[in-house]
Amino acid sequence: MNLAGVFAPIPTPFDEQDRVDTTRLRAALARWVTRPLSGFIVLGSNGEAVLMDDFESDRVIVAAREAVPSNRGFIVGTGRESTQAAVRAAKRAAEHGADAVLVRTPSFFKTQMTHDAFVRHYTAVADASPVPILLYNFTALTGVNLLPAAVTRLAAHPNIIGMKESGGDAARIADLVSGTPDDFSVLAGTAGTFYSALCVGAVGGILALACVVPEACVRLFELTRAGRHQEALALQRQLVPLARLLGQEYGVPGLKAALHLVGYDVGVPRAPLAPLPESAASALRDALAQLEEIPA
């Protein structure tokens, strides 16, 4: 599976009764698939997967698979706290058409999530999964850290094909790239440092920002790969304010609010998350207005 390029980790729409809304999901994907994205991730962090049960998750996978063309990557988040639950989730995702699965680190028993625990967990999931798996490290949310030494061991597994690293540290990305085989793909998970991640060897990104301004994210990728670094760096600097708001500032509520501002109906966040207050939405409007001035 080719993981080069920009992937959008799309949010899950919920209706006014807090039910998964597959009609809204299909309508949003009908627009996203017209954009120059390499593929899509459902049921990731931005998909509010941790707030959904398995039945709801399966409905999302089936609906999204019907809407995503076969020539685009379709990756499903299947992280669970137990190894067996992660195995079952990966198998169900494969049955419903996933090209690969993205498996976040288990994190509830934080002090027990050691190097060896992660290696055991991911090896068992990779052994059992019918489709390739990507490791997923997001320490800011999980409070645990999948270190490069563990990734080096796991990258030798034939069914572990890559990793999403959401820490935003270019030095960490460089360590991951240098410590893994050439056919292991490292993907950046933070739009604010996407350019630097590409410069040290990341093959692409899984970026919330790509849901909102996909063309700009893809252009940054293409400029960097073409060696047009001055233009790429200038574009990266323009993207940083909005990327920051969608990341550490406002998270999922910010992403859904920004999508609403650009014409996507993806509903509101699921409780206990709350919709973004109007005072915060004004900052999103300002950041989006600045991006409208970016030349094609």
Protein backbone atom coordinates (compact mmCIF):
# COMPACT_ATOMS: atom_id res chain seq x y z
CA MET A 1 0.00 0.00 0.00
CA ASN A 2 1.38 3.39 -1.00
CA LEU A 3 1.24 5.76 1.98
CA ALA A 4 2.90 8.74 0.31
CA GLY A 5 0.89 11.95 0.28
CA VAL A 6 -1.76 13.57 2.42
CA PHE A 7 -4.50 11.64 4.21
CA ALA A 8 -7.52 13.22 5.88
CA PRO A 9 -8.59 11.84 9.29
CA ILE A 10 -12.26 12.65 8.92
CA PRO A 11 -14.68 13.33 11.79
CA THR A 12 -17.73 11.21 12.52
CA PRO A 13 -21.05 13.08 12.11
CA PHE A 14 -23.73 12.64 14.77
CA ASP A 15 -27.36 13.66 14.38
CA GLU A 16 -29.55 15.67 16.75
CA GLN A 17 -30.30 12.51 18.78
CA ASP A 18 -26.56 11.79 19.16
CA ARG A 19 -26.66 8.88 16.73
CA VAL A 20 -24.06 8.16 14.06
CA ASP A 21 -25.30 9.94 10.93
CA THR A 22 -24.20 7.98 7.88
CA THR A 23 -26.15 10.26 5.54
CA ARG A 24 -24.06 13.24 6.60
CA LEU A 25 -20.93 11.09 6.41
CA ARG A 26 -21.59 10.05 2.81
CA ALA A 27 -22.41 13.61 1.79
CA ALA A 28 -19.18 14.94 3.27
CA LEU A 29 -17.12 12.19 1.65
CA ALA A 30 -18.74 12.93 -1.71
CA ARG A 31 -17.02 16.33 -1.51
CA TRP A 32 -13.75 15.12 0.02
CA VAL A 33 -13.16 12.53 -2.69
CA THR A 34 -13.09 15.33 -5.28
CA ARG A 35 -10.05 16.79 -3.51
CA PRO A 36 -6.45 15.71 -4.31
CA LEU A 37 -6.06 13.58 -1.17
CA SER A 38 -4.25 10.23 -1.10
CA GLY A 39 -6.85 8.71 1.16
CA PHE A 40 -8.95 8.86 4.29
CA ILE A 41 -8.88 7.66 7.86
CA VAL A 42 -12.10 6.92 9.72
CA LEU A 43 -12.41 6.23 13.44
CA GLY A 44 -9.20 7.96 14.41
CA SER A 45 -8.82 10.53 17.17
CA ASN A 46 -10.62 13.13 15.08
CA GLY A 47 -13.31 10.54 14.36
CA GLU A 48 -14.15 10.41 18.09
CA ALA A 49 -13.68 6.64 17.98
CA VAL A 50 -13.14 6.33 21.72
CA LEU A 51 -16.68 7.67 22.25
CA MET A 52 -18.30 4.99 20.07
CA ASP A 53 -19.23 1.35 20.51
CA ASP A 54 -18.36 -1.44 18.08
CA PHE A 55 -21.77 -1.44 16.38
CA GLU A 56 -21.53 2.30 15.67
CA SER A 57 -17.96 1.89 14.47
CA ASP A 58 -18.93 -0.81 12.01
CA ARG A 59 -21.69 1.41 10.57
CA VAL A 60 -19.13 4.15 9.96
CA ILE A 61 -16.73 1.78 8.23
CA VAL A 62 -19.39 0.34 5.92
CA ALA A 63 -20.80 3.74 4.96
CA ALA A 64 -17.38 5.28 4.37
CA ARG A 65 -16.11 2.34 2.35
CA GLU A 66 -19.08 2.72 0.00
CA ALA A 67 -18.17 6.37 -0.55
CA VAL A 68 -14.38 6.10 -0.90
CA PRO A 69 -13.17 4.97 -4.35
CA SER A 70 -10.96 1.91 -4.53
CA ASN A 71 -8.06 3.98 -5.86
CA ARG A 72 -7.87 5.99 -2.61
CA GLY A 73 -6.39 4.67 0.60
CA PHE A 74 -9.02 3.69 3.17
CA ILE A 75 -7.61 3.27 6.67
CA VAL A 76 -9.63 2.46 9.78
CA GLY A 77 -8.67 3.24 13.35
CA THR A 78 -8.91 0.05 15.41
CA GLY A 79 -7.05 0.87 18.58
CA ARG A 80 -8.41 -0.76 21.75
CA GLU A 81 -7.18 -1.13 25.30
CA SER A 82 -6.92 -4.93 25.18
CA THR A 83 -4.94 -6.83 22.61
CA GLN A 84 -7.82 -9.20 21.86
CA ALA A 85 -10.24 -6.33 21.34
CA ALA A 86 -7.76 -4.69 18.95
CA VAL A 87 -7.45 -7.97 17.05
CA ARG A 88 -11.22 -8.30 16.74
CA ALA A 89 -11.55 -4.68 15.63
CA ALA A 90 -8.88 -5.15 12.95
CA LYS A 91 -10.63 -8.26 11.63
CA ARG A 92 -14.00 -6.50 11.46
CA ALA A 93 -12.46 -3.51 9.68
CA ALA A 94 -10.87 -5.84 7.14
CA GLU A 95 -14.20 -7.60 6.58
CA HIS A 96 -15.81 -4.24 5.87
CA GLY A 97 -13.20 -3.20 3.31
CA ALA A 98 -10.35 -1.45 5.12
CA ASP A 99 -7.08 -1.33 3.17
CA ALA A 100 -5.14 -1.01 6.43
CA VAL A 101 -5.76 -0.30 10.10
CA LEU A 102 -4.34 2.40 12.36
CA VAL A 103 -3.76 1.09 15.88
CA ARG A 104 -3.25 3.63 18.66
CA THR A 105 -1.26 2.70 21.73
CA PRO A 106 -3.25 1.24 24.64
CA SER A 107 -2.88 3.67 27.53
CA PHE A 108 -5.21 3.11 30.49
CA PHE A 109 -2.61 1.23 32.54
CA LYS A 110 0.05 3.79 31.78
CA THR A 111 2.84 2.59 34.05
CA GLN A 112 2.54 -0.91 32.59
CA MET A 113 2.82 0.23 28.99
CA THR A 114 6.50 -0.55 28.64
CA HIS A 115 8.66 -1.17 25.60
CA ASP A 116 8.01 -4.91 25.85
CA ALA A 117 4.27 -4.46 26.41
CA PHE A 118 3.95 -2.44 23.22
CA VAL A 119 6.01 -4.94 21.24
CA ARG A 120 3.83 -7.83 22.47
CA HIS A 121 0.62 -5.93 21.76
CA TYR A 122 1.42 -4.80 18.25
CA THR A 123 3.03 -8.09 17.27
CA ALA A 124 -0.11 -9.99 18.28
CA VAL A 125 -2.36 -7.59 16.37
CA ALA A 126 -0.13 -7.72 13.28
CA ASP A 127 0.02 -11.53 13.40
CA ALA A 128 -3.80 -11.74 13.40
CA SER A 129 -4.84 -8.82 11.19
CA PRO A 130 -5.90 -9.70 7.64
CA VAL A 131 -4.73 -6.25 6.48
CA PRO A 132 -1.54 -4.28 7.16
CA ILE A 133 -1.32 -2.18 10.30
CA LEU A 134 0.09 1.24 11.11
CA LEU A 135 1.35 2.10 14.56
CA TYR A 136 -0.13 5.25 16.10
CA ASN A 137 1.64 7.33 18.73
CA PHE A 138 -0.13 10.39 20.19
CA THR A 139 1.40 11.04 23.58
CA ALA A 140 -0.43 14.33 24.12
CA LEU A 141 -3.74 12.41 24.23
CA THR A 142 -2.74 9.00 25.56
CA GLY A 143 -0.05 9.93 28.06
CA VAL A 144 2.15 7.05 26.86
CA ASN A 145 4.99 7.05 24.38
CA LEU A 146 5.89 4.49 21.73
CA LEU A 147 9.64 5.01 21.60
CA PRO A 148 11.81 4.64 18.49
CA ALA A 149 13.51 1.52 19.89
CA ALA A 150 10.17 -0.30 20.03
CA VAL A 151 9.25 0.96 16.57
CA THR A 152 12.53 -0.38 15.19
CA ARG A 153 11.66 -3.86 16.49
CA LEU A 154 8.08 -3.70 15.24
CA ALA A 155 9.04 -2.40 11.80
CA ALA A 156 10.64 -5.77 11.08
CA HIS A 157 7.20 -7.40 11.15
CA PRO A 158 5.97 -7.97 7.57
CA ASN A 159 2.43 -6.82 8.40
CA ILE A 160 3.46 -3.55 10.09
CA ILE A 161 3.93 -1.11 7.23
CA GLY A 162 4.17 2.29 8.85
CA MET A 163 3.39 4.69 11.65
CA LYS A 164 1.58 7.90 12.41
CA GLU A 165 3.62 10.05 14.78
CA SER A 166 1.61 12.95 16.18
CA GLY A 167 4.21 14.48 18.46
CA GLY A 168 5.29 17.22 16.06
CA ASP A 169 8.99 16.74 16.83
CA ALA A 170 11.09 16.62 13.66
CA ALA A 171 14.00 15.03 15.53
CA ARG A 172 11.70 12.18 16.61
CA ILE A 173 10.53 11.75 13.01
CA ALA A 174 14.16 11.60 11.87
CA ASP A 175 14.94 8.93 14.48
CA LEU A 176 11.97 6.87 13.37
CA VAL A 177 12.95 7.12 9.71
CA SER A 178 16.60 6.25 10.32
CA GLY A 179 15.74 3.32 12.59
CA THR A 180 13.31 1.58 10.25
CA PRO A 181 13.55 -0.12 6.83
CA ASP A 182 13.06 1.82 3.63
CA ASP A 183 9.68 0.17 3.05
CA PHE A 184 8.37 1.33 6.43
CA SER A 185 6.45 4.59 6.03
CA VAL A 186 6.52 7.30 8.69
CA LEU A 187 3.61 9.74 8.50
CA ALA A 188 3.42 13.07 10.30
CA GLY A 189 0.34 13.68 12.39
CA THR A 190 0.83 17.38 13.05
CA ALA A 191 0.21 19.95 10.33
CA GLY A 192 2.13 22.70 12.13
CA THR A 193 5.42 20.85 11.52
CA PHE A 194 4.52 19.02 8.32
CA TYR A 195 7.23 20.67 6.23
CA SER A 196 10.02 19.80 8.66
CA ALA A 197 8.73 16.22 8.96
CA LEU A 198 8.86 15.81 5.19
CA CYS A 199 12.37 17.23 5.12
CA VAL A 200 13.66 14.55 7.51
CA GLY A 201 12.03 11.63 5.73
CA ALA A 202 8.31 11.40 6.46
CA VAL A 203 6.50 10.15 3.35
CA GLY A 204 3.35 12.14 4.03
CA GLY A 205 0.89 13.17 6.68
CA ILE A 206 -2.38 12.29 8.35
CA LEU A 207 -3.54 15.81 9.07
CA ALA A 208 -6.76 17.19 10.53
CA LEU A 209 -5.99 20.36 8.58
CA ALA A 210 -6.37 18.34 5.37
CA CYS A 211 -10.08 17.93 6.09
CA VAL A 212 -10.51 21.72 5.98
CA VAL A 213 -7.94 22.93 3.43
CA PRO A 214 -6.87 19.80 1.53
CA GLU A 215 -5.47 21.63 -1.49
CA ALA A 216 -3.09 23.70 0.65
CA CYS A 217 -1.83 20.61 2.51
CA VAL A 218 -1.28 18.70 -0.72
CA ARG A 219 0.48 21.70 -2.25
CA LEU A 220 2.85 21.83 0.72
CA PHE A 221 3.61 18.15 0.23
CA GLU A 222 4.23 18.59 -3.50
CA LEU A 223 6.38 21.70 -3.12
CA THR A 224 8.59 19.97 -0.58
CA ARG A 225 8.95 16.81 -2.64
CA ALA A 226 9.87 18.98 -5.65
CA GLY A 227 12.63 20.70 -3.69
CA ARG A 228 10.93 24.10 -3.82
CA HIS A 229 11.76 24.75 -0.21
CA GLN A 230 11.33 28.51 -0.03
CA GLU A 231 7.79 28.25 -1.33
CA ALA A 232 7.06 25.26 0.89
CA LEU A 233 8.34 27.01 4.00
CA ALA A 234 6.32 30.12 3.21
CA LEU A 235 3.18 28.01 2.84
CA GLN A 236 3.93 26.13 6.06
CA ARG A 237 4.12 29.42 7.93
CA GLN A 238 0.73 30.43 6.53
CA LEU A 239 -0.81 27.15 7.67
CA VAL A 240 0.51 27.25 11.22
CA PRO A 241 -2.18 29.49 12.81
CA LEU A 242 -5.07 27.32 11.63
CA ALA A 243 -3.16 24.11 12.32
CA ARG A 244 -2.56 25.25 15.90
CA LEU A 245 -6.24 26.02 16.43
CA LEU A 246 -7.30 22.62 15.10
CA GLY A 247 -4.68 20.87 17.21
CA GLN A 248 -3.74 21.76 20.74
CA GLU A 249 -6.14 24.69 21.04
CA TYR A 250 -9.59 23.37 20.09
CA GLY A 251 -9.23 19.74 18.95
CA VAL A 252 -12.29 17.90 17.61
CA PRO A 253 -14.75 20.73 18.41
CA GLY A 254 -12.49 23.10 16.49
CA LEU A 255 -12.27 20.76 13.52
CA LYS A 256 -16.03 20.37 13.29
CA ALA A 257 -16.55 24.12 13.65
CA ALA A 258 -13.98 24.86 10.93
CA LEU A 259 -15.61 22.36 8.60
CA HIS A 260 -18.97 24.00 9.18
CA LEU A 261 -17.43 27.33 8.22
CA VAL A 262 -16.23 25.92 4.88
CA GLY A 263 -19.55 24.24 4.11
CA TYR A 264 -19.30 20.70 5.48
CA ASP A 265 -22.17 19.45 7.63
CA VAL A 266 -20.53 17.07 10.10
CA GLY A 267 -22.75 17.79 13.09
CA VAL A 268 -21.50 18.58 16.57
CA PRO A 269 -19.04 16.78 18.85
CA ARG A 270 -20.32 13.89 20.94
CA ALA A 271 -20.69 14.49 24.68
CA PRO A 272 -18.78 14.94 26.87
CA LEU A 273 -17.11 17.05 24.19
CA ALA A 274 -18.96 20.32 23.61
CA PRO A 275 -19.44 22.52 20.54
CA LEU A 276 -16.96 25.31 20.12
CA PRO A 277 -18.17 28.60 21.63
CA GLU A 278 -18.78 31.48 19.27
CA SER A 279 -15.92 33.46 20.81
CA ALA A 280 -13.50 30.73 19.71
CA ALA A 281 -15.13 30.31 16.30
CA SER A 282 -14.16 33.87 15.44
CA ALA A 283 -10.49 32.90 15.67
CA LEU A 284 -11.15 30.10 13.17
CA ARG A 285 -12.82 32.55 10.80
CA ASP A 286 -9.80 34.84 10.95
CA ALA A 287 -7.36 32.00 10.30
CA LEU A 288 -9.44 30.69 7.39
CA ALA A 289 -9.69 34.17 5.90
CA GLN A 290 -5.90 34.41 5.86
CA LEU A 291 -5.63 31.11 3.99
CA GLU A 292 -8.04 32.27 1.31
CA GLU A 293 -5.27 34.61 0.21
CA ILE A 294 -2.84 31.77 -0.57
CA PRO A 295 -2.12 31.65 -4.33
CA ALA A 296 -2.93 28.44 -6.20
